[in-house]
């Protein structure tokens, strides 16, 4: 999957918009290493959104008493 940035996007906002969770940010960063130095994106940058980012969206937290 691809995501095209808009002016002002950040890694966490991209993750939230692309897969619904900012927790996917690390996986998206790993797939787009050439942009690791970018904190705030210009518009029009095409990023890869890997399948692993979609899986990072799922967080399974169980209660300690379960």
N, C-alpha and C. Protein backbone atom coordinates (compact mmCIF):
# COMPACT_ATOMS: atom_id res chain seq x y z
N UNK A 1 0.85 -1.17 0.00
CA UNK A 1 0.00 0.00 0.00
C UNK A 1 0.90 1.24 0.00
N UNK A 2 0.43 2.28 -0.62
CA UNK A 2 1.17 3.55 -0.68
C UNK A 2 0.38 4.63 0.04
N UNK A 3 1.11 5.61 0.57
CA UNK A 3 0.49 6.78 1.18
C UNK A 3 1.23 8.00 0.65
N UNK A 4 0.49 8.98 0.18
CA UNK A 4 1.09 10.23 -0.30
C UNK A 4 0.87 11.29 0.76
N UNK A 5 1.96 11.88 1.22
CA UNK A 5 1.89 12.84 2.31
C UNK A 5 1.22 14.14 1.88
N UNK A 6 0.70 14.82 2.89
CA UNK A 6 0.23 16.19 2.71
C UNK A 6 1.11 17.07 3.60
N UNK A 7 1.23 18.33 3.26
CA UNK A 7 2.06 19.26 4.01
C UNK A 7 1.74 19.17 5.50
N UNK A 8 2.77 18.96 6.31
CA UNK A 8 2.59 18.94 7.76
C UNK A 8 2.45 17.55 8.36
N UNK A 9 2.36 16.51 7.53
CA UNK A 9 2.28 15.15 8.06
C UNK A 9 3.52 14.82 8.89
N UNK A 10 3.32 14.06 9.95
CA UNK A 10 4.41 13.52 10.76
C UNK A 10 4.27 12.00 10.76
N UNK A 11 5.30 11.30 11.23
CA UNK A 11 5.26 9.83 11.19
C UNK A 11 4.03 9.28 11.91
N UNK A 12 3.74 9.81 13.09
CA UNK A 12 2.60 9.27 13.84
C UNK A 12 1.27 9.60 13.17
N UNK A 13 1.16 10.78 12.58
CA UNK A 13 -0.09 11.12 11.90
C UNK A 13 -0.28 10.28 10.63
N UNK A 14 0.82 9.98 9.95
CA UNK A 14 0.75 9.12 8.77
C UNK A 14 0.28 7.73 9.17
N UNK A 15 0.85 7.19 10.25
CA UNK A 15 0.46 5.86 10.73
C UNK A 15 -1.02 5.84 11.08
N UNK A 16 -1.48 6.88 11.76
CA UNK A 16 -2.89 6.92 12.15
C UNK A 16 -3.80 7.00 10.93
N UNK A 17 -3.45 7.84 9.98
CA UNK A 17 -4.28 7.99 8.78
C UNK A 17 -4.26 6.73 7.91
N UNK A 18 -3.10 6.08 7.82
CA UNK A 18 -2.95 4.94 6.91
C UNK A 18 -3.55 3.65 7.47
N UNK A 19 -3.34 3.39 8.77
CA UNK A 19 -3.80 2.11 9.32
C UNK A 19 -4.62 2.24 10.60
N UNK A 20 -4.83 3.48 11.06
CA UNK A 20 -5.70 3.67 12.21
C UNK A 20 -5.04 3.64 13.57
N UNK A 21 -3.71 3.63 13.61
CA UNK A 21 -3.01 3.60 14.89
C UNK A 21 -1.61 4.18 14.75
N UNK A 22 -1.27 5.09 15.65
CA UNK A 22 0.08 5.65 15.65
C UNK A 22 1.13 4.61 16.05
N UNK A 23 0.71 3.49 16.63
CA UNK A 23 1.64 2.42 17.00
C UNK A 23 2.31 1.80 15.77
N UNK A 24 1.76 1.98 14.61
CA UNK A 24 2.32 1.44 13.37
C UNK A 24 3.47 2.29 12.83
N UNK A 25 3.74 3.40 13.47
CA UNK A 25 4.76 4.35 13.01
C UNK A 25 6.12 3.69 12.80
N UNK A 26 6.56 2.84 13.71
CA UNK A 26 7.88 2.22 13.61
C UNK A 26 8.00 1.35 12.36
N UNK A 27 6.97 0.57 12.08
CA UNK A 27 6.99 -0.29 10.89
C UNK A 27 7.03 0.54 9.61
N UNK A 28 6.32 1.65 9.60
CA UNK A 28 6.32 2.53 8.43
C UNK A 28 7.69 3.19 8.26
N UNK A 29 8.30 3.57 9.37
CA UNK A 29 9.63 4.17 9.31
C UNK A 29 10.66 3.16 8.79
N UNK A 30 10.56 1.91 9.22
CA UNK A 30 11.49 0.87 8.75
C UNK A 30 11.38 0.67 7.24
N UNK A 31 10.19 0.82 6.70
CA UNK A 31 9.96 0.62 5.27
C UNK A 31 10.35 1.83 4.42
N UNK A 32 10.65 2.95 5.07
CA UNK A 32 10.95 4.19 4.36
C UNK A 32 12.19 4.86 4.95
N UNK A 33 13.27 4.10 5.05
CA UNK A 33 14.49 4.55 5.73
C UNK A 33 15.09 5.82 5.13
N UNK A 34 14.85 6.05 3.85
CA UNK A 34 15.43 7.24 3.21
C UNK A 34 14.83 8.54 3.76
N UNK A 35 13.74 8.45 4.50
CA UNK A 35 13.08 9.64 5.06
C UNK A 35 13.21 9.72 6.58
N UNK A 36 14.07 8.91 7.19
CA UNK A 36 14.18 8.90 8.65
C UNK A 36 14.57 10.26 9.24
N UNK A 37 15.26 11.08 8.48
CA UNK A 37 15.65 12.40 8.95
C UNK A 37 14.53 13.43 8.87
N UNK A 38 13.40 13.04 8.34
CA UNK A 38 12.27 13.96 8.16
C UNK A 38 11.34 13.88 9.36
N UNK A 39 11.09 15.03 9.98
CA UNK A 39 10.14 15.08 11.10
C UNK A 39 8.77 15.53 10.63
N UNK A 40 8.76 16.55 9.78
CA UNK A 40 7.51 17.07 9.22
C UNK A 40 7.64 17.03 7.70
N UNK A 41 6.72 16.31 7.07
CA UNK A 41 6.80 16.08 5.63
C UNK A 41 6.21 17.23 4.82
N UNK A 42 6.80 17.43 3.65
CA UNK A 42 6.18 18.26 2.62
C UNK A 42 5.10 17.42 1.95
N UNK A 43 4.24 18.05 1.22
CA UNK A 43 3.22 17.31 0.49
C UNK A 43 3.80 16.59 -0.71
N UNK A 44 3.18 15.47 -1.08
CA UNK A 44 3.55 14.77 -2.29
C UNK A 44 4.61 13.70 -2.17
N UNK A 45 5.04 13.39 -0.95
CA UNK A 45 6.03 12.32 -0.76
C UNK A 45 5.28 10.99 -0.71
N UNK A 46 5.70 10.04 -1.55
CA UNK A 46 5.03 8.74 -1.57
C UNK A 46 5.78 7.77 -0.67
N UNK A 47 5.07 7.24 0.32
CA UNK A 47 5.65 6.30 1.28
C UNK A 47 5.03 4.92 1.12
N UNK A 48 5.82 3.91 1.42
CA UNK A 48 5.32 2.53 1.44
C UNK A 48 4.73 2.25 2.82
N UNK A 49 3.57 1.63 2.84
CA UNK A 49 2.94 1.17 4.08
C UNK A 49 2.96 -0.35 4.03
N UNK A 50 3.86 -0.98 4.79
CA UNK A 50 3.98 -2.44 4.72
C UNK A 50 2.85 -3.16 5.44
N UNK A 51 2.65 -4.41 5.09
CA UNK A 51 1.64 -5.24 5.77
C UNK A 51 1.90 -5.30 7.27
N UNK A 52 3.17 -5.29 7.66
CA UNK A 52 3.51 -5.37 9.08
C UNK A 52 2.96 -4.17 9.85
N UNK A 53 2.78 -3.03 9.17
CA UNK A 53 2.21 -1.85 9.83
C UNK A 53 0.75 -2.09 10.17
N UNK A 54 0.06 -2.79 9.30
CA UNK A 54 -1.35 -3.10 9.56
C UNK A 54 -1.49 -4.02 10.76
N UNK A 55 -0.53 -4.94 10.92
CA UNK A 55 -0.55 -5.85 12.06
C UNK A 55 -0.16 -5.14 13.35
N UNK A 56 0.70 -4.12 13.26
CA UNK A 56 1.11 -3.36 14.44
C UNK A 56 -0.05 -2.57 15.02
N UNK A 57 -1.08 -2.39 14.22
CA UNK A 57 -2.28 -1.68 14.65
C UNK A 57 -3.04 -2.46 15.71
N UNK A 58 -2.85 -3.77 15.75
CA UNK A 58 -3.60 -4.63 16.67
C UNK A 58 -2.81 -4.77 17.96
N UNK A 59 -3.37 -4.28 19.04
CA UNK A 59 -2.72 -4.38 20.34
C UNK A 59 -3.59 -5.24 21.24
N UNK A 60 -3.00 -6.27 21.77
CA UNK A 60 -3.73 -7.19 22.63
C UNK A 60 -3.25 -6.99 24.06
N UNK A 61 -4.04 -6.29 24.83
CA UNK A 61 -3.70 -6.04 26.23
C UNK A 61 -4.71 -6.77 27.09
N UNK A 62 -4.22 -7.69 27.89
CA UNK A 62 -5.12 -8.41 28.78
C UNK A 62 -4.90 -7.94 30.20
N UNK A 63 -5.92 -8.06 30.99
CA UNK A 63 -5.84 -7.67 32.39
C UNK A 63 -4.99 -8.68 33.15
N UNK A 64 -4.25 -8.24 34.16
CA UNK A 64 -3.39 -9.16 34.90
C UNK A 64 -4.16 -10.27 35.62
N UNK A 65 -5.44 -10.04 35.90
CA UNK A 65 -6.22 -11.05 36.62
C UNK A 65 -6.84 -12.10 35.70
N UNK A 66 -6.65 -11.94 34.38
CA UNK A 66 -7.21 -12.92 33.46
C UNK A 66 -6.32 -14.11 33.29
